[in-house]
Amino acid sequence: MYKKNVVTLIMGWLAFTACAQSGKIDFESYNPTSTLVVPAHPLQKAKFPFIDVHNHQFDMPTANLQNLITAMDQLNMKVMVNLSGDNGDKLKRSVTNVKEHFPNRFIVFANVNFNKVGEEGWAQKAAKQLEEDVKNGANGLKVYKNLGLSVKDIDGKRVTVDDSRLNPIWQKCAELKIPVLIHTADPKSFWDPVDEHNERWLEITTHPGRKRGPDNPAPFETIIEEQHRLFKNNPKTTFIAAHFGWYPNDLGKLGSLLDQMPNVMVEFGAVIAELGRQPRMAKQFFTKYQDRILFGKDSWVPDEYATYFRVLETEDEYFPYHKKYHAFWAMYGMGLPDPILKKIYYKNALRVIPNIDKTQFPE
C-alpha cells in the first residue's frame, strides 16, 4: 500500500509539472481571489489582553526581550508562555533574563529529558530535576510529541505516553501544582492514505516528512488512547492537551473526552483553521466548555495572530487562512461574547498557570 501511495504521489507530481510547463495552472498555484462581497472586520489586535499559553522561544536565555515585547504590545499579548525552557542551567538563564528585564510578561515551562528511560532511578532523578526547575522559576511542564513517537528506553523499545515508569513525573507535577501541557501524536490525516480523499494531501505532499503509518511508530488511535489513559490515571494532575487533543475536527468527540476527564484543559494552537470552518459548532463548543479552553498559537509569527482574533471575535464570512497547505478552505468568525472571550484570552490561564501577574488584566 505504501509503495502504491508513493507511485501515486510521483505520478501526480509529474502531471502537475507537465501542466506547469504547458502553461496550465496546477493545484498548488491555483489560488483564486474571491469575488464575494461581505462585511469584513480584519483585526490586528485582540479586544482584550491575552495570554498565549503555547509559544516557543528557544533562545530566551540570550534573547533581546524588548523586541518581543514591542511585537507583543502590538497584538495586546500581555503574557507569553515559553514552553521551550529546557531544564537545569539553561532554564535558570531564561528565567534570569526574564526577571532582569520584563518579569511580569513571560512565563517559562520546563522540559524533561527522556533519554535513558528504564535506567534504575531515572524517573526519580527526572522528578527531582523538575522540582529544582520549579524552584528556579519554572511554572509548568511541557511534553513534546517525541514522547509516544520517537522516545525509546534503554532497551530500544518505544516509550508509550502512559508508560508507568514516568509516573513519578506526573505525581511531582500534581504535588507542585503545576500544569502539564502535552503534545501527543499529529493530525489523524497524517496516518491516512495520501490520495484524493485526504484533505491534508497538499501539506503531506509539500512536507513529506509528516507522513506516518501504522508502524511509524504506531497507529494514531493507539497513541492518542495512550494519552487519554495518562490523563485518567493521574486525576490529580492538571493537563493541557495541545492542539485540542487533535480532535478540533470532531468537537463532539472532544467534548465527551472533557466530560470524562475533569483534570484536562485544551488549547487551540495551530488548529484555528479547523474551528474557523465550523463556526456554529465551534461556538456551541466554546460556550459549553468556556472554562476549559486556553488561547494558544504554537509558532511565533506575529502576522498570523490576526486569523485567531478574527475567528474568535468577529462574525465575518469566508475569509482566508494564512497557510494554504494547512487549510485551502475559508474561515468564518464565531463572534464570541465578551465574557467567554475574557475566559479564553486570560481568565482560564490565570486559574491554571501559577505566578502570572494578575494586575495586568481587567476583572
Protein backbone atom coordinates (compact mmCIF):
# COMPACT_ATOMS: atom_id res chain seq x y z
CA MET A 1 0.00 0.00 0.00
CA TYR A 2 2.85 2.37 0.88
CA LYS A 3 4.55 1.75 -2.48
CA LYS A 4 1.24 2.37 -4.22
CA ASN A 5 0.89 5.71 -2.42
CA VAL A 6 4.42 6.72 -3.36
CA VAL A 7 3.75 5.87 -7.01
CA THR A 8 0.51 7.89 -6.88
CA LEU A 9 2.37 10.89 -5.45
CA ILE A 10 5.09 10.69 -8.09
CA MET A 11 2.58 10.36 -10.93
CA GLY A 12 0.57 13.26 -9.57
CA TRP A 13 3.66 15.42 -9.24
CA LEU A 14 4.74 14.63 -12.81
CA ALA A 15 1.27 15.51 -14.04
CA PHE A 16 1.36 18.87 -12.23
CA THR A 17 4.84 19.57 -13.60
CA ALA A 18 3.62 18.84 -17.11
CA CYS A 19 0.70 21.22 -16.60
CA ALA A 20 3.03 23.96 -15.42
CA GLN A 21 5.35 23.51 -18.39
CA SER A 22 2.41 23.64 -20.79
CA GLY A 23 1.23 26.94 -19.33
CA LYS A 24 -1.64 25.45 -17.37
CA ILE A 25 -2.19 26.20 -13.67
CA ASP A 26 -1.60 23.34 -11.24
CA PHE A 27 -3.48 22.81 -7.98
CA GLU A 28 -0.81 24.33 -5.76
CA SER A 29 -0.67 27.52 -7.83
CA TYR A 30 -4.42 27.89 -8.14
CA ASN A 31 -5.40 30.50 -5.57
CA PRO A 32 -8.38 32.49 -6.89
CA THR A 33 -9.38 35.83 -5.43
CA SER A 34 -12.89 35.60 -4.03
CA THR A 35 -15.47 37.83 -5.68
CA LEU A 36 -17.72 37.58 -2.61
CA VAL A 37 -18.59 40.99 -1.19
CA VAL A 38 -19.49 40.77 2.51
CA PRO A 39 -18.72 42.89 5.58
CA ALA A 40 -15.12 42.43 6.71
CA HIS A 41 -13.56 43.29 10.04
CA PRO A 42 -9.90 42.25 9.90
CA LEU A 43 -8.19 42.59 13.26
CA GLN A 44 -4.56 43.16 14.15
CA LYS A 45 -5.06 43.39 17.90
CA ALA A 46 -7.06 41.34 20.39
CA LYS A 47 -10.04 43.00 22.01
CA PHE A 48 -8.77 42.06 25.46
CA PRO A 49 -5.27 41.47 26.80
CA PHE A 50 -4.39 37.83 26.34
CA ILE A 51 -2.04 35.08 27.46
CA ASP A 52 -0.53 32.85 24.79
CA VAL A 53 -0.01 29.53 26.56
CA HIS A 54 1.71 27.86 23.60
CA ASN A 55 4.78 29.63 22.32
CA HIS A 56 8.39 28.66 21.68
CA GLN A 57 11.40 30.89 22.24
CA PHE A 58 14.43 28.63 22.10
CA ASP A 59 16.92 31.47 22.53
CA MET A 60 15.30 33.05 25.58
CA PRO A 61 18.46 32.86 27.74
CA THR A 62 20.13 35.41 25.45
CA ALA A 63 17.22 36.95 23.52
CA ASN A 64 16.62 40.69 23.29
CA LEU A 65 13.27 40.62 25.04
CA GLN A 66 12.49 44.23 24.13
CA ASN A 67 11.97 43.16 20.54
CA LEU A 68 9.48 40.53 21.68
CA ILE A 69 7.68 42.99 23.97
CA THR A 70 7.25 45.50 21.14
CA ALA A 71 5.55 42.89 18.95
CA MET A 72 3.51 41.54 21.87
CA ASP A 73 2.20 45.00 22.71
CA GLN A 74 1.01 45.48 19.14
CA LEU A 75 -1.05 42.29 19.49
CA ASN A 76 -2.25 43.08 23.05
CA MET A 77 -0.45 39.98 24.32
CA LYS A 78 0.30 40.61 27.98
CA VAL A 79 1.98 37.30 28.79
CA MET A 80 3.83 34.81 26.63
CA VAL A 81 4.31 31.28 27.95
CA ASN A 82 7.58 29.94 26.60
CA LEU A 83 7.24 26.16 26.53
CA SER A 84 10.86 25.65 25.45
CA GLY A 85 12.53 26.39 28.77
CA ASP A 86 14.57 23.17 28.83
CA ASN A 87 15.88 22.38 32.31
CA GLY A 88 18.83 22.92 34.60
CA ASP A 89 21.22 25.74 33.76
CA LYS A 90 19.51 26.78 30.51
CA LEU A 91 16.18 27.19 32.27
CA LYS A 92 17.84 29.26 35.02
CA ARG A 93 19.37 31.55 32.41
CA SER A 94 15.99 32.01 30.71
CA VAL A 95 14.32 32.93 33.98
CA THR A 96 17.18 35.28 34.86
CA ASN A 97 16.84 37.11 31.55
CA VAL A 98 13.10 37.48 32.12
CA LYS A 99 13.41 38.66 35.72
CA GLU A 100 16.07 41.21 34.86
CA HIS A 101 14.09 42.82 32.05
CA PHE A 102 10.36 42.01 31.95
CA PRO A 103 9.46 39.88 34.98
CA ASN A 104 5.68 40.11 34.52
CA ARG A 105 5.48 39.42 30.77
CA PHE A 106 6.90 35.91 30.39
CA ILE A 107 6.25 32.52 31.96
CA VAL A 108 8.72 29.67 31.41
CA PHE A 109 7.87 25.95 31.32
CA ALA A 110 10.43 23.24 31.95
CA ASN A 111 11.07 20.18 29.76
CA VAL A 112 12.02 16.63 30.75
CA ASN A 113 14.93 14.87 29.06
CA PHE A 114 13.58 11.41 28.26
CA ASN A 115 16.95 9.88 27.45
CA LYS A 116 17.73 6.68 29.38
CA VAL A 117 14.17 5.83 30.42
CA GLY A 118 14.41 2.46 32.13
CA GLU A 119 17.68 3.13 33.90
CA GLU A 120 17.44 2.48 37.62
CA GLY A 121 16.31 5.63 39.40
CA TRP A 122 15.75 7.56 36.15
CA ALA A 123 12.21 8.74 36.95
CA GLN A 124 13.15 9.83 40.46
CA LYS A 125 16.06 11.86 39.07
CA ALA A 126 13.79 13.44 36.45
CA ALA A 127 11.21 14.35 39.11
CA LYS A 128 13.93 15.83 41.31
CA GLN A 129 15.25 17.88 38.39
CA LEU A 130 11.73 19.15 37.72
CA GLU A 131 11.35 20.17 41.36
CA GLU A 132 14.63 22.08 41.13
CA ASP A 133 13.48 23.74 37.90
CA VAL A 134 10.29 24.92 39.59
CA LYS A 135 12.35 26.36 42.46
CA ASN A 136 14.38 28.16 39.80
CA GLY A 137 11.30 29.75 38.23
CA ALA A 138 9.51 27.23 36.00
CA ASN A 139 5.72 27.36 36.24
CA GLY A 140 4.74 24.28 34.27
CA LEU A 141 5.97 21.30 32.29
CA LYS A 142 5.84 20.96 28.50
CA VAL A 143 5.98 17.48 26.99
CA TYR A 144 6.84 17.34 23.30
CA LYS A 145 5.37 14.88 20.83
CA ASN A 146 8.57 12.83 20.82
CA LEU A 147 7.04 11.02 23.80
CA GLY A 148 4.96 8.37 22.09
CA LEU A 149 6.60 8.83 18.70
CA SER A 150 10.37 8.63 18.95
CA VAL A 151 11.41 8.29 22.61
CA LYS A 152 12.88 4.84 23.28
CA ASP A 153 14.01 3.24 26.50
CA ILE A 154 17.42 1.77 27.20
CA ASP A 155 16.32 -1.46 25.52
CA GLY A 156 15.33 0.32 22.30
CA LYS A 157 11.57 -0.04 22.81
CA ARG A 158 9.09 2.76 22.20
CA VAL A 159 8.15 4.56 25.41
CA THR A 160 4.38 4.88 25.43
CA VAL A 161 2.75 8.10 26.58
CA ASP A 162 1.23 6.31 29.57
CA ASP A 163 4.35 4.32 30.47
CA SER A 164 4.13 3.65 34.22
CA ARG A 165 7.87 4.32 34.59
CA LEU A 166 7.09 8.02 34.07
CA ASN A 167 4.52 8.23 36.86
CA PRO A 168 6.82 9.99 39.37
CA ILE A 169 6.97 12.94 36.96
CA TRP A 170 3.20 13.39 36.76
CA GLN A 171 2.89 12.89 40.52
CA LYS A 172 5.51 15.57 41.10
CA CYS A 173 3.55 17.98 38.88
CA ALA A 174 0.43 17.36 40.99
CA GLU A 175 2.45 17.88 44.16
CA LEU A 176 3.94 21.14 42.86
CA LYS A 177 0.56 22.25 41.49
CA ILE A 178 1.92 22.97 38.01
CA PRO A 179 0.16 22.07 34.75
CA VAL A 180 1.48 19.72 32.08
CA LEU A 181 0.99 20.97 28.51
CA ILE A 182 1.40 17.90 26.35
CA HIS A 183 1.51 17.42 22.59
CA THR A 184 0.77 13.83 21.58
CA ALA A 185 0.77 12.43 18.02
CA ASP A 186 -0.18 14.54 14.97
CA PRO A 187 -3.35 15.07 12.90
CA LYS A 188 -5.09 11.80 12.06
CA SER A 189 -4.82 12.60 8.34
CA PHE A 190 -1.05 12.09 8.54
CA TRP A 191 -1.76 8.38 9.08
CA ASP A 192 -4.35 8.15 6.30
CA PRO A 193 -3.58 7.19 2.67
CA VAL A 194 -2.14 10.08 0.65
CA ASP A 195 -4.78 10.13 -2.04
CA GLU A 196 -7.53 12.35 -3.43
CA HIS A 197 -9.61 11.80 -0.28
CA ASN A 198 -7.03 13.12 2.19
CA GLU A 199 -7.70 16.79 2.95
CA ARG A 200 -4.10 17.14 4.21
CA TRP A 201 -2.83 15.96 0.83
CA LEU A 202 -1.20 19.28 -0.03
CA GLU A 203 0.54 19.53 3.35
CA ILE A 204 1.88 15.98 3.19
CA THR A 205 2.97 16.41 -0.42
CA THR A 206 4.88 19.60 0.33
CA HIS A 207 6.13 18.27 3.70
CA PRO A 208 6.60 14.51 3.08
CA GLY A 209 8.36 14.02 6.41
CA ARG A 210 4.99 14.43 8.13
CA LYS A 211 3.55 11.26 6.63
CA ARG A 212 3.06 8.44 9.10
CA GLY A 213 1.66 4.92 9.09
CA PRO A 214 0.53 2.13 11.40
CA ASP A 215 4.13 1.13 12.07
CA ASN A 216 5.53 4.68 12.18
CA PRO A 217 5.67 4.15 15.04
CA ALA A 218 2.08 3.01 15.83
CA PRO A 219 -1.48 3.73 14.69
CA PHE A 220 -2.90 7.17 15.52
CA GLU A 221 -5.62 5.65 17.69
CA THR A 222 -3.09 3.71 19.74
CA ILE A 223 -1.01 6.78 20.59
CA ILE A 224 -3.99 9.02 21.35
CA GLU A 225 -5.53 6.37 23.61
CA GLU A 226 -2.24 6.24 25.50
CA GLN A 227 -2.61 9.96 26.16
CA HIS A 228 -6.16 9.52 27.41
CA ARG A 229 -5.08 6.75 29.78
CA LEU A 230 -2.35 9.06 31.07
CA PHE A 231 -4.97 11.70 31.86
CA LYS A 232 -7.29 9.23 33.55
CA ASN A 233 -4.51 7.55 35.54
CA ASN A 234 -3.40 10.90 37.00
CA PRO A 235 -6.60 12.69 38.05
CA LYS A 236 -4.78 15.00 40.47
CA THR A 237 -2.54 16.38 37.73
CA THR A 238 -3.76 19.22 35.52
CA PHE A 239 -3.10 18.51 31.85
CA ILE A 240 -3.42 20.89 28.90
CA ALA A 241 -3.95 18.93 25.69
CA ALA A 242 -2.17 20.79 22.91
CA HIS A 243 -3.92 21.36 19.58
CA PHE A 244 -7.35 20.48 21.03
CA GLY A 245 -6.02 16.95 21.52
CA TRP A 246 -6.14 16.54 17.71
CA TYR A 247 -9.94 16.50 17.82
CA PRO A 248 -10.68 20.06 16.61
CA ASN A 249 -12.44 18.47 13.63
CA ASP A 250 -14.64 16.34 15.90
CA LEU A 251 -15.78 18.59 18.71
CA GLY A 252 -18.46 16.14 19.79
CA LYS A 253 -15.74 13.58 20.49
CA LEU A 254 -13.58 16.17 22.24
CA GLY A 255 -16.49 17.25 24.39
CA SER A 256 -17.16 13.67 25.51
CA LEU A 257 -13.48 13.34 26.47
CA LEU A 258 -13.57 16.53 28.52
CA ASP A 259 -16.69 15.25 30.26
CA GLN A 260 -14.80 12.10 31.25
CA MET A 261 -11.63 13.89 32.35
CA PRO A 262 -12.21 17.00 34.51
CA ASN A 263 -8.45 17.44 35.02
CA VAL A 264 -7.91 18.26 31.32
CA MET A 265 -7.86 21.62 29.58
CA VAL A 266 -7.34 22.22 25.85
CA GLU A 267 -5.64 24.89 23.75
CA PHE A 268 -6.05 25.55 20.02
CA GLY A 269 -2.50 26.22 18.82
CA ALA A 270 -2.18 25.60 15.05
CA VAL A 271 -5.79 24.33 14.72
CA ILE A 272 -7.74 27.59 14.38
CA ALA A 273 -8.39 26.59 10.75
CA GLU A 274 -10.49 23.67 11.97
CA LEU A 275 -12.56 25.93 14.20
CA GLY A 276 -12.95 28.63 11.58
CA ARG A 277 -14.65 26.31 9.11
CA GLN A 278 -17.37 25.24 11.59
CA PRO A 279 -18.32 28.49 13.37
CA ARG A 280 -21.71 27.36 14.64
CA MET A 281 -20.50 24.05 16.07
CA ALA A 282 -17.36 25.71 17.41
CA LYS A 283 -19.35 28.48 19.11
CA GLN A 284 -21.53 25.86 20.81
CA PHE A 285 -18.39 24.08 21.99
CA PHE A 286 -16.76 27.27 23.26
CA THR A 287 -19.95 28.16 25.07
CA LYS A 288 -20.32 24.78 26.78
CA TYR A 289 -16.63 24.37 27.63
CA GLN A 290 -15.75 28.02 28.14
CA ASP A 291 -13.89 27.20 31.38
CA ARG A 292 -11.71 24.51 29.77
CA ILE A 293 -10.18 26.35 26.79
CA LEU A 294 -6.92 28.33 26.62
CA PHE A 295 -5.53 30.60 23.92
CA GLY A 296 -2.53 29.05 22.16
CA LYS A 297 -0.82 29.86 18.89
CA ASP A 298 2.23 27.48 18.75
CA SER A 299 4.61 29.37 16.44
CA TRP A 300 5.83 32.93 16.91
CA VAL A 301 4.70 34.57 13.66
CA PRO A 302 3.03 37.84 14.75
CA ASP A 303 1.13 38.37 11.48
CA GLU A 304 -0.73 35.07 11.90
CA TYR A 305 -2.46 36.08 15.13
CA ALA A 306 -4.88 38.16 13.06
CA THR A 307 -6.63 34.98 11.90
CA TYR A 308 -7.12 33.87 15.51
CA PHE A 309 -8.59 37.21 16.59
CA ARG A 310 -10.93 37.30 13.61
CA VAL A 311 -12.25 33.76 14.14
CA LEU A 312 -12.78 34.35 17.85
CA GLU A 313 -14.17 37.89 17.84
CA THR A 314 -15.97 38.64 14.58
CA GLU A 315 -18.84 37.16 12.60
CA ASP A 316 -17.03 37.69 9.32
CA GLU A 317 -17.68 35.25 6.50
CA TYR A 318 -15.42 33.48 4.06
CA PHE A 319 -12.01 34.99 4.79
CA PRO A 320 -8.68 33.31 4.01
CA TYR A 321 -6.46 31.34 6.33
CA HIS A 322 -2.78 32.31 6.45
CA LYS A 323 -1.30 28.97 5.25
CA LYS A 324 -2.81 27.34 2.21
CA TYR A 325 -1.15 23.99 2.81
CA HIS A 326 -2.80 23.85 6.25
CA ALA A 327 -6.24 24.84 5.04
CA PHE A 328 -7.37 25.51 1.49
CA TRP A 329 -10.85 26.33 2.81
CA ALA A 330 -12.14 29.69 4.05
CA MET A 331 -12.67 30.88 7.63
CA TYR A 332 -15.79 32.16 9.40
CA GLY A 333 -15.95 34.04 12.68
CA MET A 334 -17.62 32.67 15.81
CA GLY A 335 -18.40 36.09 17.27
CA LEU A 336 -17.85 35.00 20.86
CA PRO A 337 -19.42 37.25 23.54
CA ASP A 338 -17.12 39.25 25.80
CA PRO A 339 -17.50 37.07 28.94
CA ILE A 340 -16.33 34.00 27.00
CA LEU A 341 -13.58 35.91 25.21
CA LYS A 342 -12.16 37.05 28.54
CA LYS A 343 -12.01 33.45 29.77
CA ILE A 344 -10.31 32.25 26.61
CA TYR A 345 -7.91 35.18 26.42
CA TYR A 346 -6.75 35.26 30.05
CA LYS A 347 -9.06 34.17 32.88
CA ASN A 348 -8.67 30.42 32.37
CA ALA A 349 -4.88 30.70 32.11
CA LEU A 350 -4.75 32.75 35.30
CA ARG A 351 -6.58 29.96 37.07
CA VAL A 352 -4.42 27.12 35.75
CA ILE A 353 -0.87 28.52 35.43
CA PRO A 354 0.75 29.76 38.65
CA ASN A 355 2.54 33.05 39.24
CA ILE A 356 1.14 35.10 36.37
CA ASP A 357 0.83 38.75 37.34
CA LYS A 358 -2.95 39.24 37.52
CA THR A 359 -2.75 43.03 37.87
CA GLN A 360 -2.23 43.31 34.10
CA PHE A 361 -5.76 42.06 33.38
CA PRO A 362 -9.23 43.51 33.94
CA GLU A 363 -11.69 41.80 36.28
